[in-house]
Amino acid sequence: MQAKLPSASLRELFSGSAENTFQVQLGVADPPLIDYLSELLVRFILQDSLFRVRNPKGKRAQNVAEMLVEAGRRIGQAKRDVHRHIGDFALFWAGLYPESLRGKSQDGDDVFHLYCHHGKRSYRIASTIDANDDNSPTADVLERLSNKFELCAYGLREVRREFERRDGDSSIRPILFN
């Protein structure tokens, strides 16, 4: 069964919040970039979108390391799509839920910084591969996501704070995803 996409009103809510945060609060006047970030929020409401990369046996890639392995197995548009997804996945977690990235990897590296590094790198790689799909983001947008990864992550944290403020409660409340 195909998951239902969010309603237009939810899309408008995310777009308005992202536009306010990035344009008004942060002074980022880049409508294509802001539109991309709004769509990322809408896409990742569905948990299936978060974990859409699969290995040849159909098992979901659960983290950036597993997704990088899958990106290495792909070519062309498929490689671009996986690297774009790695960038989106890393930006989503680094931006909205950085507290979930606290700690160290098995190699002793800071997980938050690894996500930022691999997110930036994956957006950069995706930007260098020609898109065969008219619905794919332009190379310019992907390159700007790479170059402004930390700013985008900070902006997404501010979007989250805005939703938390709307609740009238300063305690952290998760945005629920199905």
N, C-alpha and C. Protein backbone atom coordinates (compact mmCIF):
# COMPACT_ATOMS: atom_id res chain seq x y z
N MET A 1 0.84 -1.18 0.00
CA MET A 1 0.00 0.00 0.00
C MET A 1 0.89 1.24 0.00
N GLN A 2 0.58 2.18 -0.84
CA GLN A 2 1.33 3.42 -0.98
C GLN A 2 0.92 4.39 0.13
N ALA A 3 1.90 4.99 0.77
CA ALA A 3 1.62 5.97 1.82
C ALA A 3 1.06 7.24 1.19
N LYS A 4 0.12 7.84 1.87
CA LYS A 4 -0.51 9.06 1.38
C LYS A 4 0.37 10.27 1.68
N LEU A 5 0.52 11.13 0.68
CA LEU A 5 1.31 12.34 0.88
C LEU A 5 0.55 13.34 1.74
N PRO A 6 1.28 14.20 2.46
CA PRO A 6 0.64 15.17 3.34
C PRO A 6 -0.27 16.14 2.58
N SER A 7 -1.21 16.69 3.29
CA SER A 7 -2.16 17.62 2.69
C SER A 7 -1.48 18.93 2.32
N ALA A 8 -2.19 19.69 1.48
CA ALA A 8 -1.66 20.99 1.05
C ALA A 8 -1.49 21.93 2.24
N SER A 9 -2.37 21.85 3.23
CA SER A 9 -2.26 22.76 4.37
C SER A 9 -1.00 22.48 5.19
N LEU A 10 -0.61 21.23 5.30
CA LEU A 10 0.63 20.90 6.00
C LEU A 10 1.84 21.40 5.21
N ARG A 11 1.77 21.25 3.90
CA ARG A 11 2.83 21.76 3.02
C ARG A 11 2.95 23.28 3.18
N GLU A 12 1.82 23.96 3.24
CA GLU A 12 1.82 25.42 3.41
C GLU A 12 2.39 25.81 4.77
N LEU A 13 2.06 25.05 5.80
CA LEU A 13 2.59 25.32 7.14
C LEU A 13 4.12 25.22 7.15
N PHE A 14 4.65 24.14 6.58
CA PHE A 14 6.11 23.97 6.53
C PHE A 14 6.75 25.06 5.67
N SER A 15 6.14 25.36 4.53
CA SER A 15 6.70 26.39 3.64
C SER A 15 6.73 27.75 4.33
N GLY A 16 5.62 28.11 4.98
CA GLY A 16 5.57 29.40 5.66
C GLY A 16 6.59 29.50 6.77
N SER A 17 6.72 28.45 7.54
CA SER A 17 7.69 28.45 8.64
C SER A 17 9.12 28.52 8.11
N ALA A 18 9.42 27.75 7.06
CA ALA A 18 10.77 27.77 6.48
C ALA A 18 11.07 29.13 5.87
N GLU A 19 10.11 29.71 5.16
CA GLU A 19 10.33 31.03 4.56
C GLU A 19 10.58 32.07 5.64
N ASN A 20 9.78 32.07 6.69
CA ASN A 20 9.97 33.02 7.78
C ASN A 20 11.35 32.85 8.42
N THR A 21 11.70 31.62 8.72
CA THR A 21 12.98 31.36 9.38
C THR A 21 14.15 31.78 8.51
N PHE A 22 14.17 31.31 7.27
CA PHE A 22 15.34 31.56 6.43
C PHE A 22 15.39 32.99 5.90
N GLN A 23 14.27 33.51 5.41
CA GLN A 23 14.30 34.85 4.83
C GLN A 23 14.30 35.95 5.87
N VAL A 24 13.39 35.86 6.84
CA VAL A 24 13.24 36.95 7.81
C VAL A 24 14.29 36.87 8.91
N GLN A 25 14.40 35.71 9.57
CA GLN A 25 15.31 35.60 10.71
C GLN A 25 16.78 35.49 10.30
N LEU A 26 17.06 34.71 9.24
CA LEU A 26 18.46 34.46 8.87
C LEU A 26 18.93 35.28 7.68
N GLY A 27 18.01 35.96 7.00
CA GLY A 27 18.39 36.79 5.86
C GLY A 27 18.85 36.01 4.64
N VAL A 28 18.37 34.79 4.49
CA VAL A 28 18.73 33.96 3.33
C VAL A 28 17.66 34.17 2.26
N ALA A 29 18.02 34.91 1.22
CA ALA A 29 17.10 35.19 0.13
C ALA A 29 17.41 34.25 -1.03
N ASP A 30 16.99 33.01 -0.90
CA ASP A 30 17.27 31.97 -1.89
C ASP A 30 16.03 31.09 -2.01
N PRO A 31 14.99 31.57 -2.74
CA PRO A 31 13.74 30.81 -2.82
C PRO A 31 13.89 29.35 -3.27
N PRO A 32 14.72 29.03 -4.27
CA PRO A 32 14.84 27.60 -4.63
C PRO A 32 15.39 26.74 -3.49
N LEU A 33 16.33 27.27 -2.74
CA LEU A 33 16.89 26.54 -1.60
C LEU A 33 15.84 26.36 -0.51
N ILE A 34 15.11 27.42 -0.20
CA ILE A 34 14.08 27.37 0.84
C ILE A 34 12.95 26.42 0.42
N ASP A 35 12.57 26.47 -0.86
CA ASP A 35 11.55 25.54 -1.35
C ASP A 35 12.02 24.10 -1.20
N TYR A 36 13.29 23.85 -1.49
CA TYR A 36 13.83 22.50 -1.35
C TYR A 36 13.74 22.04 0.11
N LEU A 37 14.11 22.91 1.03
CA LEU A 37 14.07 22.55 2.45
C LEU A 37 12.64 22.31 2.92
N SER A 38 11.69 23.10 2.43
CA SER A 38 10.28 22.89 2.78
C SER A 38 9.80 21.53 2.28
N GLU A 39 10.17 21.20 1.05
CA GLU A 39 9.78 19.91 0.48
C GLU A 39 10.45 18.75 1.23
N LEU A 40 11.68 18.96 1.69
CA LEU A 40 12.35 17.93 2.49
C LEU A 40 11.53 17.62 3.74
N LEU A 41 11.05 18.66 4.41
CA LEU A 41 10.22 18.47 5.60
C LEU A 41 8.96 17.68 5.27
N VAL A 42 8.33 18.02 4.16
CA VAL A 42 7.11 17.33 3.76
C VAL A 42 7.40 15.87 3.41
N ARG A 43 8.45 15.63 2.62
CA ARG A 43 8.79 14.26 2.22
C ARG A 43 9.09 13.38 3.42
N PHE A 44 9.81 13.92 4.39
CA PHE A 44 10.26 13.10 5.51
C PHE A 44 9.22 12.94 6.61
N ILE A 45 8.01 13.46 6.40
CA ILE A 45 6.93 13.16 7.33
C ILE A 45 6.67 11.66 7.30
N LEU A 46 6.81 11.08 6.12
CA LEU A 46 6.60 9.65 5.96
C LEU A 46 7.89 8.90 6.27
N GLN A 47 7.84 8.02 7.23
CA GLN A 47 9.04 7.28 7.64
C GLN A 47 9.63 6.49 6.49
N ASP A 48 8.80 6.00 5.59
CA ASP A 48 9.32 5.26 4.44
C ASP A 48 10.25 6.12 3.60
N SER A 49 10.01 7.42 3.57
CA SER A 49 10.89 8.32 2.82
C SER A 49 12.24 8.46 3.49
N LEU A 50 12.27 8.43 4.80
CA LEU A 50 13.53 8.53 5.53
C LEU A 50 14.45 7.35 5.24
N PHE A 51 13.87 6.18 5.13
CA PHE A 51 14.66 4.95 4.99
C PHE A 51 14.37 4.27 3.65
N ARG A 52 14.39 5.05 2.57
CA ARG A 52 14.02 4.49 1.27
C ARG A 52 15.17 3.78 0.56
N VAL A 53 16.41 4.01 0.97
CA VAL A 53 17.56 3.35 0.33
C VAL A 53 17.62 1.91 0.83
N ARG A 54 17.73 1.00 -0.12
CA ARG A 54 17.76 -0.43 0.22
C ARG A 54 18.95 -1.11 -0.44
N ASN A 55 19.39 -2.19 0.18
CA ASN A 55 20.49 -2.96 -0.40
C ASN A 55 19.91 -3.93 -1.44
N PRO A 56 20.75 -4.67 -2.16
CA PRO A 56 20.24 -5.58 -3.19
C PRO A 56 19.27 -6.65 -2.67
N LYS A 57 19.33 -6.96 -1.40
CA LYS A 57 18.41 -7.95 -0.81
C LYS A 57 17.11 -7.31 -0.33
N GLY A 58 16.99 -5.99 -0.48
CA GLY A 58 15.78 -5.29 -0.08
C GLY A 58 15.77 -4.77 1.34
N LYS A 59 16.85 -4.97 2.08
CA LYS A 59 16.94 -4.49 3.46
C LYS A 59 17.18 -2.98 3.45
N ARG A 60 16.47 -2.28 4.31
CA ARG A 60 16.63 -0.82 4.41
C ARG A 60 17.99 -0.45 4.97
N ALA A 61 18.60 0.57 4.38
CA ALA A 61 19.82 1.16 4.95
C ALA A 61 19.36 2.05 6.10
N GLN A 62 19.87 1.80 7.30
CA GLN A 62 19.40 2.47 8.51
C GLN A 62 20.23 3.68 8.91
N ASN A 63 21.41 3.83 8.33
CA ASN A 63 22.28 4.94 8.72
C ASN A 63 23.12 5.39 7.54
N VAL A 64 23.84 6.47 7.72
CA VAL A 64 24.63 7.06 6.64
C VAL A 64 25.68 6.08 6.12
N ALA A 65 26.33 5.35 7.00
CA ALA A 65 27.37 4.41 6.56
C ALA A 65 26.79 3.37 5.60
N GLU A 66 25.65 2.81 5.93
CA GLU A 66 25.01 1.82 5.06
C GLU A 66 24.58 2.45 3.74
N MET A 67 24.11 3.69 3.78
CA MET A 67 23.70 4.38 2.56
C MET A 67 24.90 4.66 1.66
N LEU A 68 26.04 5.00 2.26
CA LEU A 68 27.25 5.24 1.47
C LEU A 68 27.68 3.98 0.73
N VAL A 69 27.55 2.83 1.37
CA VAL A 69 27.86 1.56 0.70
C VAL A 69 26.96 1.40 -0.52
N GLU A 70 25.68 1.68 -0.36
CA GLU A 70 24.74 1.54 -1.48
C GLU A 70 25.03 2.56 -2.58
N ALA A 71 25.43 3.76 -2.22
CA ALA A 71 25.77 4.76 -3.24
C ALA A 71 26.95 4.28 -4.08
N GLY A 72 27.90 3.61 -3.45
CA GLY A 72 29.05 3.08 -4.16
C GLY A 72 28.71 1.99 -5.15
N ARG A 73 27.56 1.36 -4.99
CA ARG A 73 27.11 0.29 -5.88
C ARG A 73 26.32 0.80 -7.07
N ARG A 74 26.00 2.08 -7.08
CA ARG A 74 25.12 2.63 -8.11
C ARG A 74 25.91 3.48 -9.11
N ILE A 75 25.27 3.72 -10.26
CA ILE A 75 25.85 4.61 -11.27
C ILE A 75 24.76 5.56 -11.77
N GLY A 76 25.19 6.63 -12.42
CA GLY A 76 24.27 7.56 -13.06
C GLY A 76 23.24 8.16 -12.13
N GLN A 77 22.00 8.24 -12.64
CA GLN A 77 20.90 8.84 -11.88
C GLN A 77 20.68 8.15 -10.54
N ALA A 78 20.83 6.82 -10.51
CA ALA A 78 20.63 6.09 -9.25
C ALA A 78 21.66 6.52 -8.21
N LYS A 79 22.90 6.72 -8.63
CA LYS A 79 23.96 7.18 -7.71
C LYS A 79 23.63 8.59 -7.22
N ARG A 80 23.19 9.46 -8.14
CA ARG A 80 22.81 10.83 -7.78
C ARG A 80 21.69 10.81 -6.74
N ASP A 81 20.68 9.96 -6.99
CA ASP A 81 19.54 9.88 -6.08
C ASP A 81 19.95 9.43 -4.68
N VAL A 82 20.84 8.44 -4.59
CA VAL A 82 21.26 7.96 -3.28
C VAL A 82 22.10 9.02 -2.57
N HIS A 83 23.01 9.69 -3.29
CA HIS A 83 23.80 10.74 -2.64
C HIS A 83 22.91 11.91 -2.21
N ARG A 84 21.95 12.25 -3.03
CA ARG A 84 21.01 13.31 -2.62
C ARG A 84 20.28 12.88 -1.35
N HIS A 85 19.84 11.62 -1.31
CA HIS A 85 19.13 11.14 -0.12
C HIS A 85 20.03 11.16 1.11
N ILE A 86 21.29 10.80 0.95
CA ILE A 86 22.22 10.85 2.09
C ILE A 86 22.32 12.28 2.60
N GLY A 87 22.45 13.24 1.68
CA GLY A 87 22.49 14.64 2.09
C GLY A 87 21.22 15.05 2.82
N ASP A 88 20.07 14.65 2.27
CA ASP A 88 18.78 14.98 2.90
C ASP A 88 18.66 14.34 4.28
N PHE A 89 19.02 13.07 4.37
CA PHE A 89 18.93 12.32 5.62
C PHE A 89 19.82 12.97 6.69
N ALA A 90 21.05 13.28 6.31
CA ALA A 90 21.99 13.89 7.25
C ALA A 90 21.52 15.28 7.67
N LEU A 91 21.02 16.06 6.72
CA LEU A 91 20.53 17.40 7.03
C LEU A 91 19.30 17.35 7.93
N PHE A 92 18.41 16.43 7.66
CA PHE A 92 17.22 16.27 8.48
C PHE A 92 17.59 16.01 9.94
N TRP A 93 18.46 15.03 10.18
CA TRP A 93 18.83 14.69 11.55
C TRP A 93 19.70 15.77 12.19
N ALA A 94 20.66 16.31 11.45
CA ALA A 94 21.53 17.36 12.01
C ALA A 94 20.75 18.64 12.28
N GLY A 95 19.72 18.89 11.47
CA GLY A 95 18.93 20.10 11.63
C GLY A 95 17.83 19.98 12.66
N LEU A 96 16.97 18.99 12.50
CA LEU A 96 15.80 18.88 13.37
C LEU A 96 16.06 18.14 14.67
N TYR A 97 16.93 17.17 14.64
CA TYR A 97 17.15 16.34 15.82
C TYR A 97 18.63 16.14 16.13
N PRO A 98 19.38 17.22 16.29
CA PRO A 98 20.82 17.06 16.55
C PRO A 98 21.10 16.31 17.85
N GLU A 99 20.17 16.36 18.79
CA GLU A 99 20.39 15.65 20.06
C GLU A 99 20.45 14.14 19.83
N SER A 100 19.86 13.66 18.75
CA SER A 100 19.92 12.22 18.47
C SER A 100 21.27 11.80 17.91
N LEU A 101 22.10 12.77 17.56
CA LEU A 101 23.42 12.48 16.99
C LEU A 101 24.54 12.70 18.00
N ARG A 102 24.21 12.83 19.26
CA ARG A 102 25.23 12.96 20.30
C ARG A 102 25.98 11.65 20.42
N GLY A 103 27.23 11.76 20.76
CA GLY A 103 28.01 10.55 20.99
C GLY A 103 29.09 10.34 19.95
N LYS A 104 29.71 9.21 20.04
CA LYS A 104 30.85 8.87 19.19
C LYS A 104 30.51 7.65 18.33
N SER A 105 31.13 7.61 17.16
CA SER A 105 31.00 6.43 16.30
C SER A 105 31.90 5.33 16.83
N GLN A 106 31.86 4.17 16.19
CA GLN A 106 32.73 3.07 16.59
C GLN A 106 34.20 3.44 16.44
N ASP A 107 34.48 4.37 15.52
CA ASP A 107 35.86 4.82 15.31
C ASP A 107 36.26 5.95 16.25
N GLY A 108 35.33 6.39 17.10
CA GLY A 108 35.62 7.46 18.05
C GLY A 108 35.34 8.85 17.52
N ASP A 109 34.77 8.94 16.31
CA ASP A 109 34.46 10.25 15.74
C ASP A 109 33.11 10.75 16.26
N ASP A 110 32.97 12.07 16.33
CA ASP A 110 31.73 12.69 16.75
C ASP A 110 30.66 12.44 15.68
N VAL A 111 29.54 11.84 16.05
CA VAL A 111 28.50 11.45 15.10
C VAL A 111 27.89 12.66 14.40
N PHE A 112 27.61 13.73 15.15
CA PHE A 112 27.04 14.93 14.54
C PHE A 112 27.94 15.45 13.43
N HIS A 113 29.23 15.56 13.71
CA HIS A 113 30.16 16.06 12.69
C HIS A 113 30.29 15.10 11.51
N LEU A 114 30.20 13.81 11.75
CA LEU A 114 30.22 12.84 10.65
C LEU A 114 29.00 13.04 9.75
N TYR A 115 27.84 13.24 10.34
CA TYR A 115 26.64 13.47 9.53
C TYR A 115 26.79 14.74 8.70
N CYS A 116 27.31 15.80 9.31
CA CYS A 116 27.52 17.04 8.56
C CYS A 116 28.52 16.83 7.42
N HIS A 117 29.61 16.16 7.71
CA HIS A 117 30.64 15.91 6.69
C HIS A 117 30.07 15.10 5.53
N HIS A 118 29.41 13.99 5.84
CA HIS A 118 28.89 13.13 4.78
C HIS A 118 27.70 13.77 4.07
N GLY A 119 26.91 14.56 4.77
CA GLY A 119 25.81 15.26 4.12
C GLY A 119 26.33 16.26 3.09
N LYS A 120 27.30 17.06 3.50
CA LYS A 120 27.90 18.04 2.58
C LYS A 120 28.53 17.35 1.38
N ARG A 121 29.29 16.30 1.67
CA ARG A 121 30.01 15.57 0.62
C ARG A 121 29.01 14.92 -0.36
N SER A 122 27.95 14.35 0.16
CA SER A 122 26.97 13.68 -0.70
C SER A 122 26.21 14.67 -1.57
N TYR A 123 25.83 15.82 -1.02
CA TYR A 123 25.21 16.84 -1.85
C TYR A 123 26.17 17.29 -2.96
N ARG A 124 27.44 17.45 -2.61
CA ARG A 124 28.44 17.86 -3.61
C ARG A 124 28.53 16.80 -4.72
N ILE A 125 28.64 15.53 -4.35
CA ILE A 125 28.72 14.47 -5.36
C ILE A 125 27.46 14.46 -6.23
N ALA A 126 26.29 14.54 -5.60
CA ALA A 126 25.03 14.54 -6.36
C ALA A 126 24.98 15.71 -7.34
N SER A 127 25.54 16.84 -6.94
CA SER A 127 25.50 18.03 -7.82
C SER A 127 26.36 17.85 -9.07
N THR A 128 27.29 16.92 -9.04
CA THR A 128 28.18 16.72 -10.20
C THR A 128 27.67 15.66 -11.17
N ILE A 129 26.59 14.98 -10.83
CA ILE A 129 26.03 13.94 -11.69
C ILE A 129 24.81 14.51 -12.40
N ASP A 130 24.80 14.40 -13.72
CA ASP A 130 23.68 14.92 -14.50
C ASP A 130 22.38 14.23 -14.12
N ALA A 131 21.33 15.05 -14.01
CA ALA A 131 20.00 14.52 -13.68
C ALA A 131 19.29 14.11 -14.96
N ASN A 132 18.69 12.93 -14.95
CA ASN A 132 17.91 12.45 -16.09
C ASN A 132 16.43 12.67 -15.87
N ASP A 133 16.09 13.34 -14.80
CA ASP A 133 14.71 13.47 -14.37
C ASP A 133 14.38 14.94 -14.19
N ASP A 134 13.31 15.40 -14.82
CA ASP A 134 12.91 16.81 -14.71
C ASP A 134 12.48 17.18 -13.30
N ASN A 135 12.10 16.21 -12.49
CA ASN A 135 11.66 16.48 -11.12
C ASN A 135 12.82 16.57 -10.13
N SER A 136 14.02 16.24 -10.58
CA SER A 136 15.19 16.29 -9.69
C SER A 136 15.62 17.73 -9.46
N PRO A 137 16.17 18.00 -8.28
CA PRO A 137 16.67 19.36 -8.03
C PRO A 137 17.85 19.66 -8.95
N THR A 138 18.05 20.94 -9.22
CA THR A 138 19.16 21.32 -10.08
C THR A 138 20.49 21.11 -9.37
N ALA A 139 21.53 21.02 -10.17
CA ALA A 139 22.88 20.88 -9.61
C ALA A 139 23.22 22.09 -8.74
N ASP A 140 22.75 23.27 -9.14
CA ASP A 140 23.03 24.49 -8.37
C ASP A 140 22.44 24.42 -6.96
N VAL A 141 21.21 23.93 -6.84
CA VAL A 141 20.58 23.81 -5.52
C VAL A 141 21.35 22.82 -4.66
N LEU A 142 21.72 21.68 -5.24
CA LEU A 142 22.47 20.67 -4.47
C LEU A 142 23.84 21.21 -4.05
N GLU A 143 24.47 21.97 -4.92
CA GLU A 143 25.77 22.56 -4.56
C GLU A 143 25.61 23.57 -3.43
N ARG A 144 24.55 24.38 -3.48
CA ARG A 144 24.32 25.34 -2.39
C ARG A 144 24.00 24.63 -1.08
N LEU A 145 23.28 23.51 -1.15
CA LEU A 145 23.03 22.73 0.06
C LEU A 145 24.34 22.23 0.65
N SER A 146 25.27 21.84 -0.20
CA SER A 146 26.59 21.41 0.27
C SER A 146 27.34 22.58 0.91
N ASN A 147 27.37 23.69 0.21
CA ASN A 147 28.12 24.86 0.68
C ASN A 147 27.52 25.49 1.94
N LYS A 148 26.21 25.39 2.09
CA LYS A 148 25.52 26.04 3.22
C LYS A 148 24.90 25.01 4.16
N PHE A 149 25.50 23.85 4.24
CA PHE A 149 24.92 22.75 5.01
C PHE A 149 24.67 23.16 6.46
N GLU A 150 25.67 23.73 7.11
CA GLU A 150 25.53 24.10 8.52
C GLU A 150 24.46 25.17 8.72
N LEU A 151 24.40 26.14 7.81
CA LEU A 151 23.38 27.18 7.89
C LEU A 151 21.99 26.57 7.71
N CYS A 152 21.86 25.65 6.76
CA CYS A 152 20.57 24.98 6.56
C CYS A 152 20.18 24.17 7.78
N ALA A 153 21.13 23.47 8.38
CA ALA A 153 20.85 22.69 9.59
C ALA A 153 20.40 23.62 10.72
N TYR A 154 21.10 24.73 10.87
CA TYR A 154 20.71 25.70 11.91
C TYR A 154 19.30 26.23 11.63
N GLY A 155 19.02 26.55 10.39
CA GLY A 155 17.69 27.04 10.03
C GLY A 155 16.60 26.03 10.32
N LEU A 156 16.87 24.76 10.05
CA LEU A 156 15.88 23.72 10.36
C LEU A 156 15.68 23.59 11.87
N ARG A 157 16.75 23.79 12.65
CA ARG A 157 16.59 23.79 14.12
C ARG A 157 15.66 24.94 14.54
N GLU A 158 15.81 26.09 13.88
CA GLU A 158 14.95 27.23 14.18
C GLU A 158 13.51 26.96 13.77
N VAL A 159 13.30 26.25 12.67
CA VAL A 159 11.95 25.86 12.27
C VAL A 159 11.34 24.98 13.36
N ARG A 160 12.11 24.04 13.85
CA ARG A 160 11.63 23.16 14.94
C ARG A 160 11.27 24.00 16.16
N ARG A 161 12.14 24.93 16.53
CA ARG A 161 11.86 25.78 17.70
C ARG A 161 10.58 26.57 17.51
N GLU A 162 10.34 27.02 16.29
CA GLU A 162 9.11 27.77 16.00
C GLU A 162 7.88 26.89 16.25
N PHE A 163 7.93 25.65 15.82
CA PHE A 163 6.81 24.75 16.08
C PHE A 163 6.65 24.48 17.57
N GLU A 164 7.76 24.37 18.27
CA GLU A 164 7.69 24.16 19.72
C GLU A 164 7.10 25.38 20.42
N ARG A 165 7.46 26.59 19.96
CA ARG A 165 6.91 27.82 20.54
C ARG A 165 5.41 27.90 20.29
N ARG A 166 4.97 27.45 19.12
CA ARG A 166 3.54 27.49 18.79
C ARG A 166 2.73 26.64 19.74
N ASP A 167 3.37 25.63 20.30
CA ASP A 167 2.68 24.78 21.27
C ASP A 167 2.45 25.50 22.59
N GLY A 168 3.10 26.65 22.78
CA GLY A 168 2.96 27.39 24.02
C GLY A 168 3.71 26.77 25.18
N ASP A 169 4.65 25.90 24.85
CA ASP A 169 5.40 25.19 25.88
C ASP A 169 6.86 25.17 25.44
N SER A 170 7.75 25.53 26.34
CA SER A 170 9.16 25.59 25.99
C SER A 170 9.84 24.22 26.04
N SER A 171 9.15 23.20 26.56
CA SER A 171 9.78 21.88 26.60
C SER A 171 9.83 21.29 25.19
N ILE A 172 10.80 20.46 24.95
CA ILE A 172 10.99 19.86 23.63
C ILE A 172 9.88 18.85 23.38
N ARG A 173 9.20 19.05 22.27
CA ARG A 173 8.16 18.12 21.85
C ARG A 173 8.52 17.64 20.45
N PRO A 174 8.52 16.36 20.26
CA PRO A 174 8.90 15.86 18.94
C PRO A 174 7.81 16.11 17.91
N ILE A 175 8.24 16.31 16.67
CA ILE A 175 7.31 16.29 15.55
C ILE A 175 7.12 14.80 15.25
N LEU A 176 5.91 14.34 15.26
CA LEU A 176 5.66 12.91 15.10
C LEU A 176 5.62 12.53 13.63
N PHE A 177 6.32 11.47 13.30
CA PHE A 177 6.37 10.94 11.95
C PHE A 177 5.80 9.54 11.98
N ASN A 178 5.11 9.17 10.92
CA ASN A 178 4.56 7.81 10.91
C ASN A 178 5.47 6.86 10.18
